[in-house]
Amino acid sequence: MKSITQVSRLLAMPVKTIRYYDDIGLLGSVSRANNGYRQFNETNIAQLRLIQSARFAGFSIDESKELIALFNDNNRASKEVKALTSEKIRALKEKINELNNVVKNLESLHDACAGDEQSQCSILDGLSKKT
């Protein structure tokens, strides 16, 4: 069993974040010592690693809850996990395309800017126009 401070150091995750995940029920049951402090077992730590990786990959808290539920379900079908992941991949690719378009647009505005001492700025003009 590890304390919240030990888990925080182990995972490089803020104590506040670990408390939050526990408070919203992402970790299932976290035992408590006689003094009321949380005590984390290896399953809790694996759940936190999963959440940490999922959040880094762009999964929302609700999506992370789904992943944790599947992680904890020994009767899960891998197709459920694959379906969640497929949807996240699709959404991330869509977001990448959107961001690439933003970069192209900013590059175009940047290239059109004289960058001199005059007050006229094609970047501000372009950003202020309705798209």
Protein backbone atom coordinates (compact mmCIF):
# COMPACT_ATOMS: atom_id res chain seq x y z
CA MET A 1 0.00 0.00 0.00
CA LYS A 2 1.24 3.47 -0.85
CA SER A 3 0.30 6.88 0.47
CA ILE A 4 -1.03 9.58 -1.81
CA THR A 5 2.33 11.37 -1.60
CA GLN A 6 4.18 8.22 -2.68
CA VAL A 7 1.78 7.69 -5.58
CA SER A 8 2.09 11.34 -6.56
CA ARG A 9 5.87 11.01 -6.75
CA LEU A 10 5.72 7.65 -8.51
CA LEU A 11 3.41 8.91 -11.25
CA ALA A 12 4.53 12.55 -11.31
CA MET A 13 0.88 13.44 -10.76
CA PRO A 14 -0.26 16.21 -8.42
CA VAL A 15 -1.83 15.06 -5.15
CA LYS A 16 -4.78 17.34 -5.90
CA THR A 17 -5.42 15.49 -9.17
CA ILE A 18 -5.29 12.10 -7.47
CA ARG A 19 -7.75 13.29 -4.81
CA TYR A 20 -10.04 14.62 -7.54
CA TYR A 21 -10.01 11.32 -9.45
CA ASP A 22 -10.81 9.48 -6.23
CA ASP A 23 -13.53 11.95 -5.23
CA ILE A 24 -15.36 11.59 -8.57
CA GLY A 25 -15.22 7.81 -8.35
CA LEU A 26 -12.70 7.04 -11.07
CA LEU A 27 -10.67 4.75 -8.83
CA GLY A 28 -13.35 2.51 -7.42
CA SER A 29 -12.46 1.76 -3.83
CA VAL A 30 -9.40 3.32 -2.28
CA SER A 31 -8.85 2.06 1.23
CA ARG A 32 -8.24 4.35 4.16
CA ALA A 33 -5.77 3.97 6.98
CA ASN A 34 -6.93 4.36 10.59
CA ASN A 35 -6.01 8.04 10.39
CA GLY A 36 -8.31 8.49 7.36
CA TYR A 37 -5.49 8.87 4.83
CA ARG A 38 -5.92 7.22 1.45
CA GLN A 39 -3.94 4.03 0.85
CA PHE A 40 -3.41 2.98 -2.76
CA ASN A 41 -2.92 -0.60 -3.88
CA GLU A 42 -1.40 -1.78 -7.16
CA THR A 43 -4.82 -1.81 -8.88
CA ASN A 44 -5.42 1.82 -7.90
CA ILE A 45 -1.99 2.73 -9.23
CA ALA A 46 -2.66 0.90 -12.51
CA GLN A 47 -5.98 2.76 -12.78
CA LEU A 48 -4.22 6.07 -12.23
CA ARG A 49 -1.64 5.20 -14.90
CA LEU A 50 -4.46 4.35 -17.31
CA ILE A 51 -6.24 7.64 -16.55
CA GLN A 52 -2.98 9.58 -16.91
CA SER A 53 -2.26 7.99 -20.29
CA ALA A 54 -5.85 8.39 -21.46
CA ARG A 55 -5.97 12.06 -20.48
CA PHE A 56 -2.65 12.68 -22.27
CA ALA A 57 -4.13 10.99 -25.35
CA GLY A 58 -7.06 13.39 -25.25
CA PHE A 59 -9.72 11.28 -23.58
CA SER A 60 -12.16 13.31 -21.49
CA ILE A 61 -12.95 12.52 -17.86
CA ASP A 62 -16.17 10.78 -18.96
CA GLU A 63 -14.30 8.77 -21.58
CA SER A 64 -11.70 7.90 -18.97
CA LYS A 65 -14.52 6.67 -16.71
CA GLU A 66 -15.61 4.36 -19.53
CA LEU A 67 -12.06 3.08 -19.97
CA ILE A 68 -11.70 2.48 -16.22
CA ALA A 69 -15.04 0.63 -16.16
CA LEU A 70 -13.80 -1.58 -18.99
CA PHE A 71 -10.43 -2.01 -17.27
CA ASN A 72 -12.20 -3.21 -14.12
CA ASP A 73 -14.59 -5.53 -16.02
CA ASN A 74 -13.02 -8.95 -16.51
CA ASN A 75 -15.92 -9.87 -18.81
CA ARG A 76 -15.35 -6.91 -21.15
CA ALA A 77 -15.17 -7.39 -24.87
CA SER A 78 -12.05 -5.91 -26.43
CA LYS A 79 -14.25 -4.58 -29.24
CA GLU A 80 -15.70 -2.05 -26.76
CA VAL A 81 -12.24 -0.72 -25.96
CA LYS A 82 -11.33 -0.70 -29.64
CA ALA A 83 -14.52 1.21 -30.51
CA LEU A 84 -13.73 3.91 -27.92
CA THR A 85 -10.19 4.16 -29.21
CA SER A 86 -11.30 4.28 -32.85
CA GLU A 87 -13.61 7.19 -32.07
CA LYS A 88 -10.80 9.02 -30.25
CA ILE A 89 -8.44 8.47 -33.19
CA ARG A 90 -11.06 9.87 -35.57
CA ALA A 91 -11.63 12.91 -33.36
CA LEU A 92 -7.90 13.54 -32.97
CA LYS A 93 -7.33 13.34 -36.73
CA GLU A 94 -10.17 15.81 -37.23
CA LYS A 95 -8.62 18.15 -34.66
CA ILE A 96 -5.21 17.82 -36.34
CA ASN A 97 -6.77 18.81 -39.68
CA GLU A 98 -8.42 21.82 -38.03
CA LEU A 99 -5.15 22.86 -36.42
CA ASN A 100 -3.27 22.44 -39.71
CA ASN A 101 -5.80 24.80 -41.32
CA VAL A 102 -5.29 27.30 -38.50
CA VAL A 103 -1.52 27.14 -39.01
CA LYS A 104 -1.89 27.69 -42.77
CA ASN A 105 -4.18 30.64 -42.17
CA LEU A 106 -1.80 32.20 -39.63
CA GLU A 107 1.17 31.62 -41.91
CA SER A 108 -0.66 33.37 -44.72
CA LEU A 109 -1.48 36.35 -42.48
CA HIS A 110 2.07 36.39 -41.14
CA ASP A 111 3.56 36.36 -44.65
CA ALA A 112 1.30 39.23 -45.71
CA CYS A 113 2.43 41.40 -42.79
CA ALA A 114 5.00 44.06 -43.68
CA GLY A 115 6.43 43.97 -40.18
CA ASP A 116 7.53 47.56 -40.38
CA GLU A 117 6.90 50.73 -38.36
CA GLN A 118 3.48 51.43 -39.90
CA SER A 119 0.34 50.85 -37.87
CA GLN A 120 -1.52 48.89 -40.57
CA CYS A 121 -1.33 45.19 -39.71
CA SER A 122 -2.64 42.50 -42.02
CA ILE A 123 -2.49 39.96 -39.18
CA LEU A 124 -4.88 41.92 -36.96
CA ASP A 125 -7.06 42.76 -39.96
CA GLY A 126 -7.25 39.10 -40.96
CA LEU A 127 -7.92 37.82 -37.47
CA SER A 128 -10.68 40.36 -36.92
CA LYS A 129 -12.62 39.35 -40.05
CA LYS A 130 -15.43 36.87 -39.93
CA THR A 131 -14.43 33.55 -41.46
